[in-house]
N, C-alpha and C. Protein backbone atom coordinates (compact mmCIF):
# COMPACT_ATOMS: atom_id res chain seq x y z
N UNK A 1 110.55 94.42 82.51
CA UNK A 1 110.65 95.61 82.80
C UNK A 1 110.66 96.11 84.34
N UNK A 2 111.83 96.97 84.03
CA UNK A 2 111.71 97.80 85.67
C UNK A 2 111.12 98.41 86.30
N UNK A 3 110.81 98.62 87.41
CA UNK A 3 109.66 99.96 87.60
C UNK A 3 110.69 100.65 88.41
N UNK A 4 110.31 101.85 88.45
CA UNK A 4 110.78 103.27 89.24
C UNK A 4 110.54 103.02 90.98
N UNK A 5 109.34 102.90 90.77
CA UNK A 5 108.78 102.88 92.33
C UNK A 5 107.54 101.75 92.34
N UNK A 6 107.33 101.00 93.23
CA UNK A 6 105.95 100.68 93.78
C UNK A 6 104.90 101.10 93.91
N UNK A 7 104.25 101.54 92.98
CA UNK A 7 102.78 102.15 93.23
C UNK A 7 101.56 100.94 93.64
N UNK A 8 101.02 101.34 94.78
CA UNK A 8 99.97 99.97 95.04
C UNK A 8 98.63 100.93 94.29
N UNK A 9 97.65 99.69 94.19
CA UNK A 9 96.48 99.75 93.78
C UNK A 9 95.74 101.19 94.20
N UNK A 10 95.94 101.68 95.76
CA UNK A 10 95.42 102.63 96.13
C UNK A 10 96.05 103.81 95.67
N UNK A 11 97.37 103.67 95.87
CA UNK A 11 98.20 104.82 95.14
C UNK A 11 97.70 105.28 93.63
N UNK A 12 97.57 104.48 92.51
CA UNK A 12 96.89 104.69 91.50
C UNK A 12 95.55 105.53 91.18
N UNK A 13 94.84 104.93 91.94
CA UNK A 13 93.19 105.41 91.94
C UNK A 13 93.40 107.07 92.88
N UNK A 14 94.28 106.75 93.92
CA UNK A 14 94.37 108.51 93.99
C UNK A 14 95.06 109.66 92.93
N UNK A 15 95.88 108.88 92.26
CA UNK A 15 96.72 109.53 90.92
C UNK A 15 95.68 109.50 90.61
N UNK A 16 94.94 108.88 89.49
CA UNK A 16 93.73 108.99 88.50
C UNK A 16 92.85 109.76 89.17
N UNK A 17 92.52 110.10 90.06
CA UNK A 17 91.38 110.80 90.91
C UNK A 17 91.63 112.29 90.89
N UNK A 18 93.26 112.40 91.24
CA UNK A 18 93.97 113.98 91.01
C UNK A 18 93.46 114.39 89.67
N UNK A 19 93.96 113.60 88.83
CA UNK A 19 94.03 113.84 87.22
C UNK A 19 92.94 113.93 86.59
N UNK A 20 91.79 113.15 87.20
CA UNK A 20 90.75 113.72 86.70
C UNK A 20 89.87 114.94 87.03
N UNK A 21 90.43 115.51 88.36
CA UNK A 21 89.88 116.60 89.21
C UNK A 21 90.16 117.39 87.80
N UNK A 22 91.53 117.59 87.93
CA UNK A 22 92.33 118.92 87.17
C UNK A 22 92.03 118.61 85.81
N UNK A 23 91.76 117.23 85.01
CA UNK A 23 91.31 117.38 83.94
C UNK A 23 90.65 118.10 83.35
N UNK A 24 89.06 118.55 84.20
CA UNK A 24 88.04 119.66 83.71
C UNK A 24 88.50 120.67 83.86
N UNK A 25 89.55 121.39 83.99
CA UNK A 25 89.77 122.52 83.55
C UNK A 25 90.89 122.77 82.45
N UNK A 26 90.92 121.38 81.69
CA UNK A 26 91.83 121.42 80.74
C UNK A 26 90.53 121.13 79.30
N UNK A 27 91.57 121.88 78.31
CA UNK A 27 90.80 122.05 76.94
C UNK A 27 91.43 120.42 76.34
N UNK A 28 90.81 119.51 75.91
CA UNK A 28 91.35 118.13 75.34
C UNK A 28 91.93 118.10 74.24
N UNK A 29 91.25 119.10 73.68
CA UNK A 29 92.18 119.41 72.03
C UNK A 29 93.29 119.76 72.26
N UNK A 30 93.92 120.41 73.17
CA UNK A 30 95.26 120.92 73.09
C UNK A 30 96.38 119.44 73.73
N UNK A 31 97.68 119.92 73.58
CA UNK A 31 98.53 118.60 73.98
C UNK A 31 98.28 118.08 75.19
N UNK A 32 98.51 119.45 76.46
CA UNK A 32 98.29 118.61 77.83
C UNK A 32 97.12 118.12 77.67
N UNK A 33 95.99 118.48 77.38
CA UNK A 33 94.68 117.47 77.40
C UNK A 33 94.89 116.25 77.01
N UNK A 34 95.44 115.76 75.60
CA UNK A 34 96.05 114.78 75.10
C UNK A 34 96.55 113.98 76.00
N UNK A 35 97.45 114.54 76.58
CA UNK A 35 98.61 113.88 77.42
C UNK A 35 97.41 113.59 78.45
N UNK A 36 97.22 114.12 79.07
CA UNK A 36 96.04 114.06 80.65
C UNK A 36 95.25 112.17 79.96
N UNK A 37 94.83 112.12 78.82
CA UNK A 37 94.08 111.50 78.73
C UNK A 37 94.71 110.24 78.51
N UNK A 38 96.27 110.10 77.38
CA UNK A 38 96.95 109.00 77.55
C UNK A 38 97.31 108.57 78.63
N UNK A 39 97.75 109.55 80.05
CA UNK A 39 98.38 109.01 81.21
C UNK A 39 97.34 108.41 81.91
N UNK A 40 95.83 109.13 81.93
CA UNK A 40 94.62 108.34 82.96
C UNK A 40 94.59 106.88 82.54
N UNK A 41 94.86 107.00 81.07
CA UNK A 41 94.76 105.53 80.03
C UNK A 41 95.63 104.19 80.53
N UNK A 42 96.92 104.74 80.95
CA UNK A 42 97.81 103.93 81.04
C UNK A 42 97.31 103.66 82.78
N UNK A 43 96.95 104.10 83.41
CA UNK A 43 96.75 104.56 84.80
C UNK A 43 95.65 102.94 85.00
N UNK A 44 94.81 103.42 84.19
CA UNK A 44 93.56 101.99 83.78
C UNK A 44 94.54 101.17 83.68
N UNK A 45 95.03 100.65 82.46
CA UNK A 45 95.76 99.39 82.06
C UNK A 45 96.39 99.02 83.31
N UNK A 46 97.12 99.96 84.13
CA UNK A 46 98.22 99.49 85.13
C UNK A 46 97.06 98.78 86.34
N UNK A 47 95.93 99.47 86.57
CA UNK A 47 94.98 99.01 87.56
C UNK A 47 94.36 97.77 87.38
N UNK A 48 94.12 97.59 85.84
CA UNK A 48 93.10 96.50 85.61
C UNK A 48 94.67 95.46 85.46
N UNK A 49 96.00 95.55 85.44
CA UNK A 49 96.57 94.68 85.34
C UNK A 49 96.84 93.87 86.94
N UNK A 50 96.76 95.09 87.52
CA UNK A 50 96.56 94.89 88.96
C UNK A 50 95.77 93.74 89.66
N UNK A 51 94.69 94.17 89.43
CA UNK A 51 93.20 93.72 89.59
C UNK A 51 93.41 92.04 88.86
N UNK A 52 93.71 91.46 87.53
CA UNK A 52 93.83 90.71 87.03
C UNK A 52 94.64 90.01 87.62
N UNK A 53 95.80 90.28 88.15
CA UNK A 53 97.08 89.42 89.10
C UNK A 53 96.35 89.02 90.37
N UNK A 54 95.46 89.79 90.84
CA UNK A 54 95.25 89.85 92.51
C UNK A 54 93.83 88.83 92.06
N UNK A 55 93.27 88.72 90.88
CA UNK A 55 92.19 87.52 90.78
C UNK A 55 92.80 86.28 90.69
N UNK A 56 93.93 86.08 90.02
CA UNK A 56 94.42 85.28 89.52
C UNK A 56 95.00 84.53 90.73
N UNK A 57 95.73 85.03 91.77
CA UNK A 57 96.65 84.67 93.01
C UNK A 57 95.89 84.24 94.10
N UNK A 58 94.25 85.00 93.93
CA UNK A 58 93.09 84.49 94.99
C UNK A 58 92.52 83.27 94.45
N UNK A 59 92.50 83.03 92.96
CA UNK A 59 91.68 82.16 92.40
C UNK A 59 90.04 82.64 92.34
N UNK A 60 89.97 83.78 92.04
CA UNK A 60 88.57 84.45 92.24
C UNK A 60 87.89 85.35 91.08
N UNK A 61 86.85 85.92 91.05
CA UNK A 61 86.73 86.41 89.71
C UNK A 61 86.10 87.90 90.69
N UNK A 62 87.03 88.76 90.78
CA UNK A 62 86.56 90.15 91.42
C UNK A 62 85.11 90.73 90.91
N UNK A 63 85.48 90.70 89.55
CA UNK A 63 84.73 91.69 89.00
C UNK A 63 83.26 90.96 88.92
N UNK A 64 82.65 89.98 89.22
CA UNK A 64 81.27 89.49 89.30
C UNK A 64 81.03 89.83 90.24
N UNK A 65 79.68 90.11 90.34
CA UNK A 65 78.56 90.55 91.42
C UNK A 65 78.39 89.08 92.71
N UNK A 66 78.77 89.80 93.88
CA UNK A 66 78.79 88.50 95.01
C UNK A 66 77.29 87.82 94.98
N UNK A 67 76.93 86.78 95.47
CA UNK A 67 76.01 86.28 95.36
C UNK A 67 75.10 86.70 96.32
N UNK A 68 73.80 86.77 96.13
CA UNK A 68 72.55 87.49 96.94
C UNK A 68 72.12 86.47 97.52
N UNK A 69 71.53 86.70 99.26
CA UNK A 69 71.14 85.58 99.49
C UNK A 69 69.56 86.51 100.05
């Protein structure tokens, strides 16, 4: 699948934050509210895919808590 642009992990987080902030002003039962929810879900999916790819290339599990000393 070709991508139109390469968004970084940080880019997606900022976009998600902006959408979540705006979402507070929407009626989630309206079509635009439903679309916002779906779009945030897509962003969350992309973030998870990027995180999983990063963990695989680094050979570490970034989701685990670091060991405490």
